[in-house]
């Protein structure tokens, strides 16, 4: 038997359950709608971000195109999102403080400029030990040898003396200087073991045959000369002083014995060459000296060369003391070229100190024959010479006063 109140409670329970279920379903539907809405929104944002990443970010306009190395770094930065700290390795490439501009020239930065231009280095970003800053280059390129210049070594006097590539000269003021031997001037090739000397007379032999000619240098200071006696003693030629310019007055004059000497020498059958002592201080004076020589040779035929002789005066001052090496070179060139223009052979006379220390050697020695004045058994003068006054003045048969022998490696009379 049920009570009336129990029947009413049963009737009301079912609607309540349905209501709860319905509310729950409604809430679930709302949650599902919200979830789906959020999911679509996230997808749109992701797609948008992807498009943003795929599109290159605008960069400030630059003059010209990026250099290849800069483009590589820019690409790495965009694709991999590199940080400034990750680029510290670049300091290894610029650590020398040198940057190369578009024109290929290297410009040096000061330490302050480097400090202001470079980002702060992280503790682990320094260059590897043992690698010099200038030794590295951009990836894919060869190291630049000029980035690390090789230190040069200044040779000592002992090294220069032993190398055979230098020769020492004594200058006008008494100072000594080492001169590097030029590769542009031919060296002499004589084998001095082939020299033979008898009674002061030198001869040079090749394959047992004499290939040299003996001469004597003569002037008014030689006194009376018996040219027949010279010829009989084995002398082949004489070099006669034609004239010279006064080292104080600057006047050009004929040697007092020239006419007598050349007449008798040619009568004796000796070959003849002439010398002129120059004290010209300008190219114009050198031309004047050359014309003087040419005019005084008109009556004669000579077979050996015309020699240009310029020297300082021992223990006295002279006109040429004021000249530079360039001046003396120009004067010698002017004289020799003018003589050569008239068909005569020329030689440049001088000692080792003059030829190497007082003129610009490469401008003369490579073009003109040399008559070397260097007493001794083996000359220190390194370059080719065609005539050699190998001894100081001595007593020579047929010459009143002392004179000096000269050997010629060329028979100019046959040329």
Protein backbone atom coordinates (compact mmCIF):
# COMPACT_ATOMS: atom_id res chain seq x y z
CA UNK A 1 0.00 0.00 0.00
CA UNK A 2 1.64 3.29 -1.08
CA UNK A 3 1.27 6.55 0.63
CA UNK A 4 0.00 9.48 -1.39
CA UNK A 5 3.27 11.48 -0.94
CA UNK A 6 5.44 8.60 -2.31
CA UNK A 7 3.44 8.50 -5.55
CA UNK A 8 4.12 12.22 -6.14
CA UNK A 9 7.86 11.94 -5.51
CA UNK A 10 8.23 9.14 -8.14
CA UNK A 11 6.29 11.22 -10.64
CA UNK A 12 8.67 14.17 -10.26
CA UNK A 13 12.14 12.26 -10.46
CA UNK A 14 12.07 11.35 -14.15
CA UNK A 15 11.64 14.95 -15.44
CA UNK A 16 14.54 16.10 -13.28
CA UNK A 17 16.88 13.46 -14.74
CA UNK A 18 15.92 14.42 -18.27
CA UNK A 19 16.59 18.05 -17.50
CA UNK A 20 20.07 17.30 -16.16
CA UNK A 21 20.95 15.20 -19.19
CA UNK A 22 19.72 17.88 -21.55
CA UNK A 23 21.76 20.60 -19.82
CA UNK A 24 24.85 18.40 -19.88
CA UNK A 25 24.47 17.70 -23.60
CA UNK A 26 24.01 21.41 -24.25
CA UNK A 27 27.19 22.26 -22.35
CA UNK A 28 29.12 19.60 -24.24
CA UNK A 29 27.90 21.01 -27.54
CA UNK A 30 29.02 24.53 -26.54
CA UNK A 31 32.44 23.20 -25.51
CA UNK A 32 32.81 21.36 -28.79
CA UNK A 33 31.93 24.48 -30.76
CA UNK A 34 34.44 26.56 -28.79
CA UNK A 35 37.18 23.90 -29.25
CA UNK A 36 36.62 23.66 -32.99
CA UNK A 37 36.63 27.45 -33.27
CA UNK A 38 39.97 27.65 -31.44
CA UNK A 39 41.45 24.90 -33.59
CA UNK A 40 40.55 26.70 -36.82
CA UNK A 41 41.96 29.97 -35.45
CA UNK A 42 45.25 28.25 -34.55
CA UNK A 43 45.48 26.75 -38.02
CA UNK A 44 44.99 30.13 -39.64
CA UNK A 45 47.69 31.67 -37.43
CA UNK A 46 50.10 28.82 -38.21
CA UNK A 47 49.51 29.20 -41.94
CA UNK A 48 49.98 32.92 -41.63
CA UNK A 49 53.25 32.44 -39.76
CA UNK A 50 54.43 29.97 -42.39
CA UNK A 51 53.68 32.47 -45.16
CA UNK A 52 55.54 35.13 -43.24
CA UNK A 53 58.58 32.89 -42.90
CA UNK A 54 58.47 31.95 -46.58
CA UNK A 55 58.38 35.60 -47.65
CA UNK A 56 61.83 37.34 -47.48
CA UNK A 57 61.87 40.10 -44.97
CA UNK A 58 62.60 43.50 -46.48
CA UNK A 59 66.18 44.66 -46.05
CA UNK A 60 67.47 48.21 -46.21
CA UNK A 61 68.56 49.28 -49.67
CA UNK A 62 72.34 49.17 -50.27
CA UNK A 63 74.49 50.70 -52.93
CA UNK A 64 75.37 47.85 -55.31
CA UNK A 65 74.84 44.17 -54.66
CA UNK A 66 75.86 42.29 -51.56
CA UNK A 67 79.28 40.72 -51.71
CA UNK A 68 79.27 36.95 -52.01
CA UNK A 69 80.36 36.40 -48.41
CA UNK A 70 77.76 38.86 -47.10
CA UNK A 71 74.98 37.15 -49.09
CA UNK A 72 75.94 33.80 -47.58
CA UNK A 73 75.75 35.18 -44.06
CA UNK A 74 72.43 36.89 -44.79
CA UNK A 75 70.96 33.61 -46.11
CA UNK A 76 72.20 31.69 -43.09
CA UNK A 77 70.70 34.29 -40.81
CA UNK A 78 67.25 34.11 -42.46
CA UNK A 79 67.07 30.33 -42.82
CA UNK A 80 68.60 29.35 -39.51
CA UNK A 81 67.73 32.38 -37.43
CA UNK A 82 71.34 32.90 -36.39
CA UNK A 83 72.04 35.16 -33.49
CA UNK A 84 74.70 37.85 -33.37
CA UNK A 85 76.71 35.70 -30.96
CA UNK A 86 76.84 32.93 -33.56
CA UNK A 87 78.66 35.22 -36.01
CA UNK A 88 81.66 35.86 -33.75
CA UNK A 89 83.72 33.44 -35.87
CA UNK A 90 84.01 36.28 -38.41
CA UNK A 91 86.50 37.97 -36.07
CA UNK A 92 89.01 35.34 -37.13
CA UNK A 93 88.84 36.70 -40.66
CA UNK A 94 89.06 40.36 -39.75
CA UNK A 95 91.38 40.06 -36.78
CA UNK A 96 94.32 41.49 -38.72
CA UNK A 97 92.60 44.84 -38.84
CA UNK A 98 92.65 44.87 -42.65
CA UNK A 99 89.62 45.04 -44.87
CA UNK A 100 89.65 44.84 -48.61
CA UNK A 101 87.60 47.36 -50.51
CA UNK A 102 85.94 46.98 -53.88
CA UNK A 103 89.05 48.25 -55.64
CA UNK A 104 91.11 45.41 -54.18
CA UNK A 105 93.26 47.68 -52.04
CA UNK A 106 93.82 46.86 -48.42
CA UNK A 107 92.77 49.55 -45.94
CA UNK A 108 93.99 49.44 -42.35
CA UNK A 109 91.47 50.01 -39.56
CA UNK A 110 92.52 51.46 -36.27
CA UNK A 111 91.96 49.54 -33.06
CA UNK A 112 89.26 52.01 -32.07
CA UNK A 113 87.38 51.49 -35.35
CA UNK A 114 87.54 47.71 -34.91
CA UNK A 115 86.28 47.97 -31.37
CA UNK A 116 83.32 50.11 -32.37
CA UNK A 117 82.46 48.02 -35.45
CA UNK A 118 82.73 44.53 -33.87
CA UNK A 119 80.05 43.05 -31.59
CA UNK A 120 80.99 41.89 -28.11
CA UNK A 121 82.58 38.48 -28.23
CA UNK A 122 81.17 35.59 -26.29
CA UNK A 123 83.66 33.63 -24.16
CA UNK A 124 83.92 30.76 -26.64
CA UNK A 125 84.07 32.77 -29.84
CA UNK A 126 87.78 33.66 -30.03
CA UNK A 127 89.93 32.49 -32.93
CA UNK A 128 91.58 29.11 -32.67
CA UNK A 129 95.07 29.24 -31.08
CA UNK A 130 97.97 28.99 -33.49
CA UNK A 131 96.10 30.62 -36.41
CA UNK A 132 97.42 34.02 -37.40
CA UNK A 133 94.67 36.58 -38.05
CA UNK A 134 95.77 37.32 -41.60
CA UNK A 135 96.10 33.66 -42.56
CA UNK A 136 92.38 32.93 -42.90
CA UNK A 137 90.17 33.79 -45.82
CA UNK A 138 86.56 33.53 -46.80
CA UNK A 139 85.21 30.00 -47.36
CA UNK A 140 86.07 28.65 -50.79
CA UNK A 141 88.96 31.07 -51.41
CA UNK A 142 92.71 30.65 -51.10
CA UNK A 143 94.62 32.45 -48.34
CA UNK A 144 96.06 35.81 -49.35
CA UNK A 145 99.87 35.65 -49.05
CA UNK A 146 100.10 39.42 -48.71
CA UNK A 147 98.02 39.29 -45.51
CA UNK A 148 101.05 37.97 -43.60
CA UNK A 149 104.18 39.66 -45.08
CA UNK A 150 107.39 37.71 -44.74
CA UNK A 151 109.94 39.69 -42.76
CA UNK A 152 112.99 40.65 -44.81
CA UNK A 153 116.51 40.05 -43.58
CA UNK A 154 119.10 42.75 -44.09
CA UNK A 155 122.34 40.92 -44.95
CA UNK A 156 125.38 41.58 -42.79
CA UNK A 157 128.75 42.60 -44.22
CA UNK A 158 130.04 39.08 -43.68
CA UNK A 159 127.10 37.62 -45.58
CA UNK A 160 127.51 40.08 -48.46
CA UNK A 161 131.23 39.39 -48.68
CA UNK A 162 130.66 35.62 -48.76
CA UNK A 163 127.66 35.54 -51.08
CA UNK A 164 129.40 36.67 -54.26
CA UNK A 165 126.37 38.89 -55.06
CA UNK A 166 127.91 42.10 -53.69
CA UNK A 167 131.10 44.06 -54.25
CA UNK A 168 132.54 46.72 -51.97
CA UNK A 169 133.57 50.15 -53.25
CA UNK A 170 135.25 53.15 -51.65
CA UNK A 171 133.54 56.45 -52.34
CA UNK A 172 135.06 59.91 -52.77
CA UNK A 173 134.69 60.75 -49.06
CA UNK A 174 136.45 57.55 -48.02
CA UNK A 175 133.33 55.69 -46.91
CA UNK A 176 132.87 52.09 -48.02
CA UNK A 177 129.67 50.78 -49.53
CA UNK A 178 128.45 47.34 -50.61
CA UNK A 179 126.92 47.36 -54.10
CA UNK A 180 124.59 44.55 -55.15
CA UNK A 181 125.63 43.05 -58.48
CA UNK A 182 122.98 43.60 -61.13
CA UNK A 183 121.58 40.72 -63.14
CA UNK A 184 120.98 43.08 -66.07
CA UNK A 185 124.68 43.64 -66.80
CA UNK A 186 126.73 40.71 -68.18
CA UNK A 187 129.51 39.44 -65.90
CA UNK A 188 132.98 38.70 -67.19
CA UNK A 189 133.67 35.08 -68.14
CA UNK A 190 137.46 35.07 -68.23
CA UNK A 191 139.34 32.15 -66.70
CA UNK A 192 142.32 33.86 -65.08
CA UNK A 193 144.22 30.62 -64.78
CA UNK A 194 144.78 31.10 -68.52
CA UNK A 195 146.81 34.28 -67.96
CA UNK A 196 150.57 34.26 -68.47
CA UNK A 197 152.90 37.10 -67.40
CA UNK A 198 156.49 37.47 -68.54
CA UNK A 199 158.58 40.60 -67.82
CA UNK A 200 155.39 42.41 -66.85
CA UNK A 201 153.74 41.58 -70.17
CA UNK A 202 150.42 39.76 -69.78
CA UNK A 203 148.82 37.41 -72.29
CA UNK A 204 145.59 35.41 -72.25
CA UNK A 205 145.36 31.93 -73.79
CA UNK A 206 142.52 29.66 -74.87
CA UNK A 207 143.22 26.11 -76.02
CA UNK A 208 146.92 26.95 -76.13
CA UNK A 209 146.46 29.93 -78.45
CA UNK A 210 147.06 33.55 -77.42
CA UNK A 211 143.83 35.53 -77.75
CA UNK A 212 144.86 38.89 -76.28
CA UNK A 213 146.71 42.03 -77.38
CA UNK A 214 149.21 44.04 -75.37
CA UNK A 215 149.14 47.83 -75.18
CA UNK A 216 150.75 50.80 -73.42
CA UNK A 217 149.02 53.95 -72.12
CA UNK A 218 151.02 57.06 -73.05
CA UNK A 219 150.84 60.86 -72.68
CA UNK A 220 153.16 63.87 -72.47
CA UNK A 221 154.09 62.67 -68.98
CA UNK A 222 155.69 59.56 -70.49
CA UNK A 223 158.52 61.60 -72.01
CA UNK A 224 160.24 60.49 -75.18
CA UNK A 225 159.00 57.19 -76.58
CA UNK A 226 160.77 54.79 -78.95
CA UNK A 227 157.79 53.28 -80.72
CA UNK A 228 159.96 50.95 -82.78
CA UNK A 229 161.34 49.47 -79.55
CA UNK A 230 157.82 49.03 -78.22
CA UNK A 231 156.81 47.17 -81.35
CA UNK A 232 159.83 44.87 -81.16
CA UNK A 233 159.17 44.11 -77.47
CA UNK A 234 155.77 42.64 -78.29
CA UNK A 235 153.46 45.66 -77.82
CA UNK A 236 150.51 45.56 -80.24
CA UNK A 237 148.83 48.93 -79.65
CA UNK A 238 149.11 52.21 -77.78
CA UNK A 239 146.43 54.34 -76.14
CA UNK A 240 147.51 57.97 -76.62
CA UNK A 241 146.13 60.84 -74.64
CA UNK A 242 144.63 63.22 -77.19
CA UNK A 243 143.75 65.97 -74.75
CA UNK A 244 141.65 67.01 -71.81
CA UNK A 245 139.82 69.76 -69.93
CA UNK A 246 141.51 71.60 -67.07
CA UNK A 247 140.07 70.52 -63.74
CA UNK A 248 140.32 74.09 -62.43
CA UNK A 249 140.18 76.40 -65.47
CA UNK A 250 137.78 74.28 -67.54
CA UNK A 251 139.80 74.97 -70.71
CA UNK A 252 140.01 72.20 -73.32
CA UNK A 253 143.49 71.59 -74.73
CA UNK A 254 145.44 69.14 -76.91
CA UNK A 255 148.08 66.96 -75.28
CA UNK A 256 151.47 68.44 -76.15
CA UNK A 257 152.85 65.09 -77.34
CA UNK A 258 149.78 63.82 -79.20
CA UNK A 259 150.69 64.76 -82.76
CA UNK A 260 154.27 63.48 -82.42
CA UNK A 261 153.16 60.30 -80.67
CA UNK A 262 150.43 59.31 -83.12
CA UNK A 263 152.64 60.01 -86.12
CA UNK A 264 155.52 57.88 -84.83
CA UNK A 265 153.26 55.12 -83.47
CA UNK A 266 151.55 54.60 -86.80
CA UNK A 267 154.88 54.73 -88.60
CA UNK A 268 156.10 51.92 -86.35
CA UNK A 269 153.10 49.79 -87.30
CA UNK A 270 151.35 50.00 -83.94
CA UNK A 271 147.56 50.14 -83.65
CA UNK A 272 146.37 53.37 -82.06
CA UNK A 273 143.52 54.37 -79.77
CA UNK A 274 143.05 57.69 -77.97
CA UNK A 275 141.85 58.93 -74.59
CA UNK A 276 140.28 62.19 -73.48
CA UNK A 277 140.35 63.40 -69.89
CA UNK A 278 136.95 64.99 -69.17
CA UNK A 279 136.07 67.55 -66.56
CA UNK A 280 132.75 68.52 -68.12
CA UNK A 281 130.03 69.63 -65.72
CA UNK A 282 127.17 69.76 -68.24
CA UNK A 283 126.01 67.74 -71.21
CA UNK A 284 126.77 70.76 -73.40
CA UNK A 285 130.40 70.70 -72.28
CA UNK A 286 130.51 66.95 -72.97
CA UNK A 287 129.39 67.64 -76.55
CA UNK A 288 132.12 70.27 -76.83
CA UNK A 289 134.73 67.72 -75.70
CA UNK A 290 133.50 65.12 -78.20
CA UNK A 291 133.65 67.62 -81.06
CA UNK A 292 137.19 68.53 -80.02
CA UNK A 293 138.24 64.87 -80.24
CA UNK A 294 136.55 64.34 -83.61
CA UNK A 295 138.14 67.42 -85.13
CA UNK A 296 141.64 66.41 -84.04
CA UNK A 297 141.21 62.88 -85.41
CA UNK A 298 140.40 64.04 -88.92
CA UNK A 299 144.01 63.74 -90.22
CA UNK A 300 144.44 60.25 -88.79
CA UNK A 301 142.97 56.80 -89.00
CA UNK A 302 142.78 55.01 -85.66
CA UNK A 303 141.84 51.36 -85.19
CA UNK A 304 141.47 51.08 -81.42
CA UNK A 305 138.76 52.86 -79.42
CA UNK A 306 138.22 56.40 -78.21
CA UNK A 307 138.22 56.27 -74.40
CA UNK A 308 136.23 58.56 -72.10
CA UNK A 309 138.18 59.18 -68.87
CA UNK A 310 136.60 61.14 -66.01
CA UNK A 311 138.25 61.04 -62.58
CA UNK A 312 138.51 62.99 -59.34
CA UNK A 313 141.78 64.77 -58.68
CA UNK A 314 143.77 63.20 -55.86
CA UNK A 315 144.41 65.58 -52.95
CA UNK A 316 142.79 68.49 -54.73
CA UNK A 317 139.40 69.87 -55.65
CA UNK A 318 138.08 69.71 -59.20
CA UNK A 319 135.17 71.00 -61.27
CA UNK A 320 133.33 67.66 -61.19
CA UNK A 321 133.21 67.45 -57.39
CA UNK A 322 129.77 69.07 -57.48
CA UNK A 323 128.25 66.50 -59.84
CA UNK A 324 125.77 63.81 -58.84
CA UNK A 325 125.89 60.24 -60.13
CA UNK A 326 123.11 61.12 -62.56
CA UNK A 327 125.06 64.15 -63.83
CA UNK A 328 128.23 62.15 -64.46
CA UNK A 329 126.26 59.41 -66.17
CA UNK A 330 124.56 61.88 -68.51
CA UNK A 331 127.89 63.54 -69.38
CA UNK A 332 129.56 60.21 -70.18
CA UNK A 333 126.59 59.09 -72.27
CA UNK A 334 126.60 62.34 -74.20
CA UNK A 335 130.30 62.07 -75.04
CA UNK A 336 130.28 58.37 -75.97
CA UNK A 337 127.15 58.51 -78.10
CA UNK A 338 128.48 61.48 -80.06
CA UNK A 339 131.79 59.72 -80.80
CA UNK A 340 130.02 56.50 -81.71
CA UNK A 341 127.73 58.38 -84.08
CA UNK A 342 130.79 59.14 -86.24
CA UNK A 343 131.67 55.45 -86.56
CA UNK A 344 134.39 55.17 -83.90
CA UNK A 345 134.48 52.45 -81.28
CA UNK A 346 134.20 53.73 -77.70
CA UNK A 347 135.27 52.50 -74.27
CA UNK A 348 134.41 53.81 -70.81
CA UNK A 349 137.60 54.05 -68.74
CA UNK A 350 137.67 53.82 -64.96
CA UNK A 351 138.46 51.90 -61.82
CA UNK A 352 136.10 49.72 -59.82
CA UNK A 353 135.21 52.50 -57.40
CA UNK A 354 134.34 54.94 -60.18
CA UNK A 355 132.44 52.53 -62.42
CA UNK A 356 130.36 51.08 -59.58
CA UNK A 357 130.14 53.90 -57.07
CA UNK A 358 130.24 57.19 -58.98
CA UNK A 359 128.01 56.57 -62.02
CA UNK A 360 124.73 54.80 -62.61
CA UNK A 361 126.18 51.53 -63.83
CA UNK A 362 123.13 50.01 -65.50
CA UNK A 363 122.77 53.03 -67.78
CA UNK A 364 126.30 52.69 -69.19
CA UNK A 365 127.98 49.35 -68.52
CA UNK A 366 125.34 47.34 -70.38
CA UNK A 367 125.85 49.39 -73.57
CA UNK A 368 129.52 50.40 -73.78
CA UNK A 369 132.77 48.48 -73.61
CA UNK A 370 134.82 49.00 -70.45
CA UNK A 371 138.53 49.71 -70.11
CA UNK A 372 139.12 48.67 -66.51
CA UNK A 373 141.84 50.28 -64.39
CA UNK A 374 142.35 47.84 -61.53
CA UNK A 375 145.86 46.66 -60.70
CA UNK A 376 146.00 43.10 -59.42
CA UNK A 377 146.01 39.47 -60.47
CA UNK A 378 142.22 39.02 -60.41
CA UNK A 379 139.88 42.05 -60.64
CA UNK A 380 137.05 42.54 -58.15
CA UNK A 381 135.04 44.37 -60.81
CA UNK A 382 132.30 41.83 -61.62
CA UNK A 383 131.06 42.92 -65.04
CA UNK A 384 132.36 42.33 -68.54
CA UNK A 385 135.35 44.42 -69.58
CA UNK A 386 137.22 44.36 -72.89
CA UNK A 387 140.45 46.10 -71.86
CA UNK A 388 142.32 45.93 -68.56
CA UNK A 389 145.11 48.11 -67.15
CA UNK A 390 146.33 45.45 -64.80
CA UNK A 391 149.43 47.10 -63.31
CA UNK A 392 150.58 50.44 -61.95
CA UNK A 393 153.09 52.50 -63.84
CA UNK A 394 156.43 50.80 -64.30
CA UNK A 395 159.59 51.07 -66.32
CA UNK A 396 158.88 49.90 -69.86
CA UNK A 397 161.54 49.42 -72.49
CA UNK A 398 161.43 52.26 -75.02
CA UNK A 399 159.61 54.72 -72.72
CA UNK A 400 161.59 57.49 -70.99
CA UNK A 401 159.37 57.76 -67.91
CA UNK A 402 157.16 55.19 -66.25
CA UNK A 403 154.10 53.92 -68.09
CA UNK A 404 151.51 51.16 -67.68
CA UNK A 405 150.63 48.06 -69.68
CA UNK A 406 147.09 47.30 -70.80
CA UNK A 407 145.74 43.99 -72.09
CA UNK A 408 142.89 43.87 -74.57
CA UNK A 409 140.71 40.81 -74.99
CA UNK A 410 139.44 42.19 -78.28
CA UNK A 411 141.39 43.02 -81.41
CA UNK A 412 139.53 46.22 -82.28
CA UNK A 413 141.53 46.62 -85.48
CA UNK A 414 139.65 43.69 -87.00
CA UNK A 415 136.17 44.91 -86.12
